[in-house]
Amino acid sequence: MASIKNLKKDINYTLGDIIGFVSEKVDVKGDNSKVEAIIDETINTFDVLIAKINTKGVENKKAHFNAISAELEEKATDLVAKINKL
């Protein structure tokens, strides 16, 4: 991993793209509750990941940040799968 700054950018861009795609491209024919639920879950994921990045007193920083990066990939994949089911 290059830096914390780049990890934060990855989180912001990835989850931002998911929100943008869902809000603009997905048409559920009047029932927006599913779209809103995915957007809310994406925002909650963003908050959780940023809070984990800002955690102080981490013993092994490299492993900690690599775990956050892996969690981002996992959560983004899950969110895209939910979008595809709509």
PDB file of N, CA and C in Angstrom:
ATOM      1  N   MET A   1       0.836  -1.173   0.000  1.00  0.00           N
ATOM      2  CA  MET A   1       0.000   0.000   0.000  1.00  0.00           C
ATOM      3  C   MET A   1       0.884   1.240   0.000  1.00  0.00           C
ATOM      4  N   ALA A   2       0.526   2.191  -0.823  1.00  0.00           N
ATOM      5  CA  ALA A   2       1.351   3.377  -0.978  1.00  0.00           C
ATOM      6  C   ALA A   2       1.195   4.356   0.187  1.00  0.00           C
ATOM      7  N   SER A   3      -0.041   4.697   0.539  1.00  0.00           N
ATOM      8  CA  SER A   3      -0.223   5.667   1.615  1.00  0.00           C
ATOM      9  C   SER A   3      -1.651   5.643   2.130  1.00  0.00           C
ATOM     10  N   ILE A   4      -1.811   6.234   3.290  1.00  0.00           N
ATOM     11  CA  ILE A   4      -3.142   6.363   3.881  1.00  0.00           C
ATOM     12  C   ILE A   4      -3.998   7.281   3.007  1.00  0.00           C
ATOM     13  N   LYS A   5      -3.369   8.314   2.469  1.00  0.00           N
ATOM     14  CA  LYS A   5      -4.075   9.263   1.607  1.00  0.00           C
ATOM     15  C   LYS A   5      -4.676   8.554   0.396  1.00  0.00           C
ATOM     16  N   ASN A   6      -3.910   7.676  -0.215  1.00  0.00           N
ATOM     17  CA  ASN A   6      -4.411   6.939  -1.377  1.00  0.00           C
ATOM     18  C   ASN A   6      -5.513   5.957  -0.996  1.00  0.00           C
ATOM     19  N   LEU A   7      -5.409   5.350   0.181  1.00  0.00           N
ATOM     20  CA  LEU A   7      -6.459   4.445   0.645  1.00  0.00           C
ATOM     21  C   LEU A   7      -7.763   5.206   0.860  1.00  0.00           C
ATOM     22  N   LYS A   8      -7.677   6.391   1.442  1.00  0.00           N
ATOM     23  CA  LYS A   8      -8.871   7.213   1.629  1.00  0.00           C
ATOM     24  C   LYS A   8      -9.484   7.602   0.283  1.00  0.00           C
ATOM     25  N   LYS A   9      -8.635   7.925  -0.691  1.00  0.00           N
ATOM     26  CA  LYS A   9      -9.127   8.253  -2.023  1.00  0.00           C
ATOM     27  C   LYS A   9      -9.810   7.052  -2.661  1.00  0.00           C
ATOM     28  N   ASP A  10      -9.213   5.860  -2.508  1.00  0.00           N
ATOM     29  CA  ASP A  10      -9.815   4.648  -3.053  1.00  0.00           C
ATOM     30  C   ASP A  10     -11.202   4.419  -2.475  1.00  0.00           C
ATOM     31  N   ILE A  11     -11.323   4.587  -1.161  1.00  0.00           N
ATOM     32  CA  ILE A  11     -12.617   4.412  -0.506  1.00  0.00           C
ATOM     33  C   ILE A  11     -13.621   5.422  -1.042  1.00  0.00           C
ATOM     34  N   ASN A  12     -13.203   6.672  -1.117  1.00  0.00           N
ATOM     35  CA  ASN A  12     -14.093   7.735  -1.568  1.00  0.00           C
ATOM     36  C   ASN A  12     -14.537   7.517  -3.014  1.00  0.00           C
ATOM     37  N   TYR A  13     -13.607   7.227  -3.898  1.00  0.00           N
ATOM     38  CA  TYR A  13     -13.951   7.054  -5.308  1.00  0.00           C
ATOM     39  C   TYR A  13     -14.796   5.803  -5.539  1.00  0.00           C
ATOM     40  N   THR A  14     -14.423   4.705  -4.919  1.00  0.00           N
ATOM     41  CA  THR A  14     -15.142   3.449  -5.134  1.00  0.00           C
ATOM     42  C   THR A  14     -16.583   3.554  -4.656  1.00  0.00           C
ATOM     43  N   LEU A  15     -16.750   3.974  -3.414  1.00  0.00           N
ATOM     44  CA  LEU A  15     -18.105   4.054  -2.862  1.00  0.00           C
ATOM     45  C   LEU A  15     -18.898   5.196  -3.489  1.00  0.00           C
ATOM     46  N   GLY A  16     -18.219   6.275  -3.863  1.00  0.00           N
ATOM     47  CA  GLY A  16     -18.881   7.375  -4.560  1.00  0.00           C
ATOM     48  C   GLY A  16     -19.401   6.956  -5.921  1.00  0.00           C
ATOM     49  N   ASP A  17     -18.615   6.147  -6.627  1.00  0.00           N
ATOM     50  CA  ASP A  17     -19.057   5.634  -7.924  1.00  0.00           C
ATOM     51  C   ASP A  17     -20.272   4.721  -7.778  1.00  0.00           C
ATOM     52  N   ILE A  18     -20.275   3.928  -6.730  1.00  0.00           N
ATOM     53  CA  ILE A  18     -21.424   3.040  -6.491  1.00  0.00           C
ATOM     54  C   ILE A  18     -22.684   3.863  -6.236  1.00  0.00           C
ATOM     55  N   ILE A  19     -22.579   4.884  -5.405  1.00  0.00           N
ATOM     56  CA  ILE A  19     -23.735   5.745  -5.124  1.00  0.00           C
ATOM     57  C   ILE A  19     -24.191   6.462  -6.394  1.00  0.00           C
ATOM     58  N   GLY A  20     -23.237   6.980  -7.150  1.00  0.00           N
ATOM     59  CA  GLY A  20     -23.577   7.671  -8.393  1.00  0.00           C
ATOM     60  C   GLY A  20     -24.276   6.767  -9.380  1.00  0.00           C
ATOM     61  N   PHE A  21     -23.787   5.554  -9.523  1.00  0.00           N
ATOM     62  CA  PHE A  21     -24.400   4.615 -10.458  1.00  0.00           C
ATOM     63  C   PHE A  21     -25.807   4.250 -10.031  1.00  0.00           C
ATOM     64  N   VAL A  22     -25.966   3.949  -8.762  1.00  0.00           N
ATOM     65  CA  VAL A  22     -27.284   3.548  -8.260  1.00  0.00           C
ATOM     66  C   VAL A  22     -28.288   4.682  -8.410  1.00  0.00           C
ATOM     67  N   SER A  23     -27.882   5.881  -8.064  1.00  0.00           N
ATOM     68  CA  SER A  23     -28.833   6.986  -8.087  1.00  0.00           C
ATOM     69  C   SER A  23     -29.200   7.429  -9.500  1.00  0.00           C
ATOM     70  N   GLU A  24     -28.305   7.230 -10.480  1.00  0.00           N
ATOM     71  CA  GLU A  24     -28.582   7.695 -11.831  1.00  0.00           C
ATOM     72  C   GLU A  24     -29.089   6.607 -12.777  1.00  0.00           C
ATOM     73  N   LYS A  25     -28.563   5.412 -12.655  1.00  0.00           N
ATOM     74  CA  LYS A  25     -28.805   4.400 -13.675  1.00  0.00           C
ATOM     75  C   LYS A  25     -29.853   3.355 -13.327  1.00  0.00           C
ATOM     76  N   VAL A  26     -30.077   3.119 -12.061  1.00  0.00           N
ATOM     77  CA  VAL A  26     -30.986   2.045 -11.675  1.00  0.00           C
ATOM     78  C   VAL A  26     -32.413   2.573 -11.633  1.00  0.00           C
ATOM     79  N   ASP A  27     -33.272   1.908 -12.368  1.00  0.00           N
ATOM     80  CA  ASP A  27     -34.685   2.272 -12.401  1.00  0.00           C
ATOM     81  C   ASP A  27     -35.493   1.111 -11.836  1.00  0.00           C
ATOM     82  N   VAL A  28     -36.152   1.355 -10.732  1.00  0.00           N
ATOM     83  CA  VAL A  28     -36.933   0.294 -10.091  1.00  0.00           C
ATOM     84  C   VAL A  28     -38.439   0.550 -10.221  1.00  0.00           C
ATOM     85  N   LYS A  29     -38.799   1.383 -11.155  1.00  0.00           N
ATOM     86  CA  LYS A  29     -40.209   1.643 -11.482  1.00  0.00           C
ATOM     87  C   LYS A  29     -41.034   2.107 -10.286  1.00  0.00           C
ATOM     88  N   GLY A  30     -40.618   3.209  -9.689  1.00  0.00           N
ATOM     89  CA  GLY A  30     -41.399   3.824  -8.631  1.00  0.00           C
ATOM     90  C   GLY A  30     -41.043   3.412  -7.216  1.00  0.00           C
ATOM     91  N   ASP A  31     -40.442   2.255  -7.017  1.00  0.00           N
ATOM     92  CA  ASP A  31     -40.098   1.797  -5.666  1.00  0.00           C
ATOM     93  C   ASP A  31     -38.631   2.123  -5.390  1.00  0.00           C
ATOM     94  N   ASN A  32     -38.395   3.266  -4.781  1.00  0.00           N
ATOM     95  CA  ASN A  32     -37.033   3.715  -4.518  1.00  0.00           C
ATOM     96  C   ASN A  32     -36.483   3.212  -3.192  1.00  0.00           C
ATOM     97  N   SER A  33     -37.242   2.449  -2.438  1.00  0.00           N
ATOM     98  CA  SER A  33     -36.772   2.008  -1.123  1.00  0.00           C
ATOM     99  C   SER A  33     -35.550   1.099  -1.238  1.00  0.00           C
ATOM    100  N   LYS A  34     -35.494   0.278  -2.276  1.00  0.00           N
ATOM    101  CA  LYS A  34     -34.342  -0.602  -2.458  1.00  0.00           C
ATOM    102  C   LYS A  34     -33.087   0.195  -2.815  1.00  0.00           C
ATOM    103  N   VAL A  35     -33.260   1.194  -3.658  1.00  0.00           N
ATOM    104  CA  VAL A  35     -32.138   2.057  -4.041  1.00  0.00           C
ATOM    105  C   VAL A  35     -31.645   2.839  -2.834  1.00  0.00           C
ATOM    106  N   GLU A  36     -32.571   3.376  -2.069  1.00  0.00           N
ATOM    107  CA  GLU A  36     -32.205   4.138  -0.872  1.00  0.00           C
ATOM    108  C   GLU A  36     -31.498   3.254   0.149  1.00  0.00           C
ATOM    109  N   ALA A  37     -31.909   1.999   0.262  1.00  0.00           N
ATOM    110  CA  ALA A  37     -31.268   1.073   1.193  1.00  0.00           C
ATOM    111  C   ALA A  37     -29.824   0.802   0.780  1.00  0.00           C
ATOM    112  N   ILE A  38     -29.584   0.658  -0.510  1.00  0.00           N
ATOM    113  CA  ILE A  38     -28.214   0.432  -0.986  1.00  0.00           C
ATOM    114  C   ILE A  38     -27.365   1.675  -0.766  1.00  0.00           C
ATOM    115  N   ILE A  39     -27.930   2.849  -1.014  1.00  0.00           N
ATOM    116  CA  ILE A  39     -27.196   4.095  -0.785  1.00  0.00           C
ATOM    117  C   ILE A  39     -26.866   4.250   0.694  1.00  0.00           C
ATOM    118  N   ASP A  40     -27.823   3.970   1.567  1.00  0.00           N
ATOM    119  CA  ASP A  40     -27.579   4.056   3.014  1.00  0.00           C
ATOM    120  C   ASP A  40     -26.498   3.078   3.453  1.00  0.00           C
ATOM    121  N   GLU A  41     -26.535   1.861   2.920  1.00  0.00           N
ATOM    122  CA  GLU A  41     -25.511   0.868   3.267  1.00  0.00           C
ATOM    123  C   GLU A  41     -24.134   1.311   2.777  1.00  0.00           C
ATOM    124  N   THR A  42     -24.089   1.934   1.615  1.00  0.00           N
ATOM    125  CA  THR A  42     -22.821   2.429   1.073  1.00  0.00           C
ATOM    126  C   THR A  42     -22.256   3.542   1.949  1.00  0.00           C
ATOM    127  N   ILE A  43     -23.102   4.437   2.388  1.00  0.00           N
ATOM    128  CA  ILE A  43     -22.664   5.534   3.259  1.00  0.00           C
ATOM    129  C   ILE A  43     -22.187   4.984   4.601  1.00  0.00           C
ATOM    130  N   ASN A  44     -22.898   4.013   5.150  1.00  0.00           N
ATOM    131  CA  ASN A  44     -22.469   3.397   6.412  1.00  0.00           C
ATOM    132  C   ASN A  44     -21.129   2.693   6.254  1.00  0.00           C
ATOM    133  N   THR A  45     -20.928   2.023   5.123  1.00  0.00           N
ATOM    134  CA  THR A  45     -19.654   1.365   4.853  1.00  0.00           C
ATOM    135  C   THR A  45     -18.532   2.387   4.799  1.00  0.00           C
ATOM    136  N   PHE A  46     -18.781   3.512   4.137  1.00  0.00           N
ATOM    137  CA  PHE A  46     -17.794   4.593   4.072  1.00  0.00           C
ATOM    138  C   PHE A  46     -17.411   5.065   5.473  1.00  0.00           C
ATOM    139  N   ASP A  47     -18.420   5.321   6.300  1.00  0.00           N
ATOM    140  CA  ASP A  47     -18.166   5.808   7.664  1.00  0.00           C
ATOM    141  C   ASP A  47     -17.345   4.802   8.473  1.00  0.00           C
ATOM    142  N   VAL A  48     -17.674   3.528   8.360  1.00  0.00           N
ATOM    143  CA  VAL A  48     -16.966   2.490   9.110  1.00  0.00           C
ATOM    144  C   VAL A  48     -15.510   2.394   8.667  1.00  0.00           C
ATOM    145  N   LEU A  49     -15.286   2.401   7.359  1.00  0.00           N
ATOM    146  CA  LEU A  49     -13.915   2.264   6.851  1.00  0.00           C
ATOM    147  C   LEU A  49     -13.051   3.475   7.209  1.00  0.00           C
ATOM    148  N   ILE A  50     -13.606   4.671   7.112  1.00  0.00           N
ATOM    149  CA  ILE A  50     -12.845   5.868   7.483  1.00  0.00           C
ATOM    150  C   ILE A  50     -12.544   5.856   8.983  1.00  0.00           C
ATOM    151  N   ALA A  51     -13.487   5.412   9.790  1.00  0.00           N
ATOM    152  CA  ALA A  51     -13.238   5.318  11.237  1.00  0.00           C
ATOM    153  C   ALA A  51     -12.121   4.327  11.527  1.00  0.00           C
ATOM    154  N   LYS A  52     -12.073   3.227  10.780  1.00  0.00           N
ATOM    155  CA  LYS A  52     -10.999   2.251  10.974  1.00  0.00           C
ATOM    156  C   LYS A  52      -9.650   2.822  10.563  1.00  0.00           C
ATOM    157  N   ILE A  53      -9.628   3.630   9.515  1.00  0.00           N
ATOM    158  CA  ILE A  53      -8.368   4.262   9.101  1.00  0.00           C
ATOM    159  C   ILE A  53      -7.876   5.207  10.182  1.00  0.00           C
ATOM    160  N   ASN A  54      -8.786   5.934  10.801  1.00  0.00           N
ATOM    161  CA  ASN A  54      -8.411   6.941  11.795  1.00  0.00           C
ATOM    162  C   ASN A  54      -8.174   6.375  13.196  1.00  0.00           C
ATOM    163  N   THR A  55      -8.235   5.061  13.347  1.00  0.00           N
ATOM    164  CA  THR A  55      -7.995   4.438  14.638  1.00  0.00           C
ATOM    165  C   THR A  55      -6.550   4.668  15.066  1.00  0.00           C
ATOM    166  N   LYS A  56      -6.379   5.093  16.292  1.00  0.00           N
ATOM    167  CA  LYS A  56      -5.035   5.353  16.832  1.00  0.00           C
ATOM    168  C   LYS A  56      -4.533   4.140  17.603  1.00  0.00           C
ATOM    169  N   GLY A  57      -3.239   4.014  17.724  1.00  0.00           N
ATOM    170  CA  GLY A  57      -2.630   2.972  18.530  1.00  0.00           C
ATOM    171  C   GLY A  57      -2.635   1.597  17.894  1.00  0.00           C
ATOM    172  N   VAL A  58      -2.613   1.538  16.582  1.00  0.00           N
ATOM    173  CA  VAL A  58      -2.591   0.255  15.889  1.00  0.00           C
ATOM    174  C   VAL A  58      -1.172  -0.291  15.956  1.00  0.00           C
ATOM    175  N   GLU A  59      -1.068  -1.561  16.319  1.00  0.00           N
ATOM    176  CA  GLU A  59       0.251  -2.168  16.501  1.00  0.00           C
ATOM    177  C   GLU A  59       0.966  -2.391  15.173  1.00  0.00           C
ATOM    178  N   ASN A  60       0.327  -3.102  14.259  1.00  0.00           N
ATOM    179  CA  ASN A  60       0.923  -3.404  12.962  1.00  0.00           C
ATOM    180  C   ASN A  60       0.151  -2.617  11.898  1.00  0.00           C
ATOM    181  N   LYS A  61       0.645  -1.441  11.553  1.00  0.00           N
ATOM    182  CA  LYS A  61      -0.086  -0.542  10.655  1.00  0.00           C
ATOM    183  C   LYS A  61      -0.261  -1.134   9.258  1.00  0.00           C
ATOM    184  N   LYS A  62       0.777  -1.762   8.753  1.00  0.00           N
ATOM    185  CA  LYS A  62       0.699  -2.306   7.397  1.00  0.00           C
ATOM    186  C   LYS A  62      -0.404  -3.359   7.292  1.00  0.00           C
ATOM    187  N   ALA A  63      -0.458  -4.266   8.235  1.00  0.00           N
ATOM    188  CA  ALA A  63      -1.492  -5.304   8.235  1.00  0.00           C
ATOM    189  C   ALA A  63      -2.877  -4.685   8.430  1.00  0.00           C
ATOM    190  N   HIS A  64      -2.958  -3.677   9.275  1.00  0.00           N
ATOM    191  CA  HIS A  64      -4.226  -3.000   9.549  1.00  0.00           C
ATOM    192  C   HIS A  64      -4.776  -2.355   8.275  1.00  0.00           C
ATOM    193  N   PHE A  65      -3.943  -1.627   7.569  1.00  0.00           N
ATOM    194  CA  PHE A  65      -4.391  -0.943   6.361  1.00  0.00           C
ATOM    195  C   PHE A  65      -4.644  -1.914   5.211  1.00  0.00           C
ATOM    196  N   ASN A  66      -3.893  -2.982   5.154  1.00  0.00           N
ATOM    197  CA  ASN A  66      -4.161  -4.006   4.139  1.00  0.00           C
ATOM    198  C   ASN A  66      -5.509  -4.679   4.395  1.00  0.00           C
ATOM    199  N   ALA A  67      -5.849  -4.877   5.662  1.00  0.00           N
ATOM    200  CA  ALA A  67      -7.151  -5.455   6.015  1.00  0.00           C
ATOM    201  C   ALA A  67      -8.281  -4.506   5.630  1.00  0.00           C
ATOM    202  N   ILE A  68      -8.082  -3.219   5.809  1.00  0.00           N
ATOM    203  CA  ILE A  68      -9.089  -2.231   5.425  1.00  0.00           C
ATOM    204  C   ILE A  68      -9.273  -2.240   3.909  1.00  0.00           C
ATOM    205  N   SER A  69      -8.181  -2.319   3.185  1.00  0.00           N
ATOM    206  CA  SER A  69      -8.252  -2.372   1.725  1.00  0.00           C
ATOM    207  C   SER A  69      -9.005  -3.617   1.255  1.00  0.00           C
ATOM    208  N   ALA A  70      -8.741  -4.743   1.885  1.00  0.00           N
ATOM    209  CA  ALA A  70      -9.440  -5.983   1.538  1.00  0.00           C
ATOM    210  C   ALA A  70     -10.924  -5.879   1.881  1.00  0.00           C
ATOM    211  N   GLU A  71     -11.234  -5.252   3.008  1.00  0.00           N
ATOM    212  CA  GLU A  71     -12.636  -5.075   3.400  1.00  0.00           C
ATOM    213  C   GLU A  71     -13.366  -4.170   2.412  1.00  0.00           C
ATOM    214  N   LEU A  72     -12.686  -3.129   1.919  1.00  0.00           N
ATOM    215  CA  LEU A  72     -13.279  -2.255   0.910  1.00  0.00           C
ATOM    216  C   LEU A  72     -13.639  -3.054  -0.334  1.00  0.00           C
ATOM    217  N   GLU A  73     -12.723  -3.880  -0.779  1.00  0.00           N
ATOM    218  CA  GLU A  73     -12.978  -4.690  -1.972  1.00  0.00           C
ATOM    219  C   GLU A  73     -14.158  -5.635  -1.754  1.00  0.00           C
ATOM    220  N   GLU A  74     -14.207  -6.247  -0.586  1.00  0.00           N
ATOM    221  CA  GLU A  74     -15.287  -7.183  -0.267  1.00  0.00           C
ATOM    222  C   GLU A  74     -16.635  -6.474  -0.210  1.00  0.00           C
ATOM    223  N   LYS A  75     -16.689  -5.337   0.472  1.00  0.00           N
ATOM    224  CA  LYS A  75     -17.944  -4.594   0.616  1.00  0.00           C
ATOM    225  C   LYS A  75     -18.417  -4.055  -0.729  1.00  0.00           C
ATOM    226  N   ALA A  76     -17.476  -3.551  -1.539  1.00  0.00           N
ATOM    227  CA  ALA A  76     -17.845  -3.025  -2.852  1.00  0.00           C
ATOM    228  C   ALA A  76     -18.407  -4.135  -3.733  1.00  0.00           C
ATOM    229  N   THR A  77     -17.814  -5.303  -3.671  1.00  0.00           N
ATOM    230  CA  THR A  77     -18.310  -6.445  -4.448  1.00  0.00           C
ATOM    231  C   THR A  77     -19.717  -6.828  -4.003  1.00  0.00           C
ATOM    232  N   ASP A  78     -19.945  -6.828  -2.700  1.00  0.00           N
ATOM    233  CA  ASP A  78     -21.279  -7.149  -2.175  1.00  0.00           C
ATOM    234  C   ASP A  78     -22.320  -6.117  -2.622  1.00  0.00           C
ATOM    235  N   LEU A  79     -21.937  -4.839  -2.590  1.00  0.00           N
ATOM    236  CA  LEU A  79     -22.865  -3.789  -2.997  1.00  0.00           C
ATOM    237  C   LEU A  79     -23.196  -3.888  -4.485  1.00  0.00           C
ATOM    238  N   VAL A  80     -22.208  -4.172  -5.312  1.00  0.00           N
ATOM    239  CA  VAL A  80     -22.445  -4.327  -6.745  1.00  0.00           C
ATOM    240  C   VAL A  80     -23.340  -5.537  -7.008  1.00  0.00           C
ATOM    241  N   ALA A  81     -23.161  -6.597  -6.245  1.00  0.00           N
ATOM    242  CA  ALA A  81     -24.032  -7.774  -6.395  1.00  0.00           C
ATOM    243  C   ALA A  81     -25.476  -7.415  -6.054  1.00  0.00           C
ATOM    244  N   LYS A  82     -25.671  -6.589  -5.021  1.00  0.00           N
ATOM    245  CA  LYS A  82     -27.019  -6.159  -4.653  1.00  0.00           C
ATOM    246  C   LYS A  82     -27.625  -5.281  -5.739  1.00  0.00           C
ATOM    247  N   ILE A  83     -26.797  -4.456  -6.359  1.00  0.00           N
ATOM    248  CA  ILE A  83     -27.276  -3.594  -7.441  1.00  0.00           C
ATOM    249  C   ILE A  83     -27.720  -4.456  -8.626  1.00  0.00           C
ATOM    250  N   ASN A  84     -26.949  -5.468  -8.925  1.00  0.00           N
ATOM    251  CA  ASN A  84     -27.265  -6.335 -10.056  1.00  0.00           C
ATOM    252  C   ASN A  84     -28.571  -7.111  -9.846  1.00  0.00           C
ATOM    253  N   LYS A  85     -28.954  -7.323  -8.596  1.00  0.00           N
ATOM    254  CA  LYS A  85     -30.196  -8.044  -8.300  1.00  0.00           C
ATOM    255  C   LYS A  85     -31.437  -7.167  -8.505  1.00  0.00           C
ATOM    256  N   LEU A  86     -31.240  -5.848  -8.557  1.00  0.00           N
ATOM    257  CA  LEU A  86     -32.404  -4.942  -8.705  1.00  0.00           C
ATOM    258  C   LEU A  86     -33.045  -5.079 -10.045  1.00  0.00           C
TER     259      LEU A  86
END
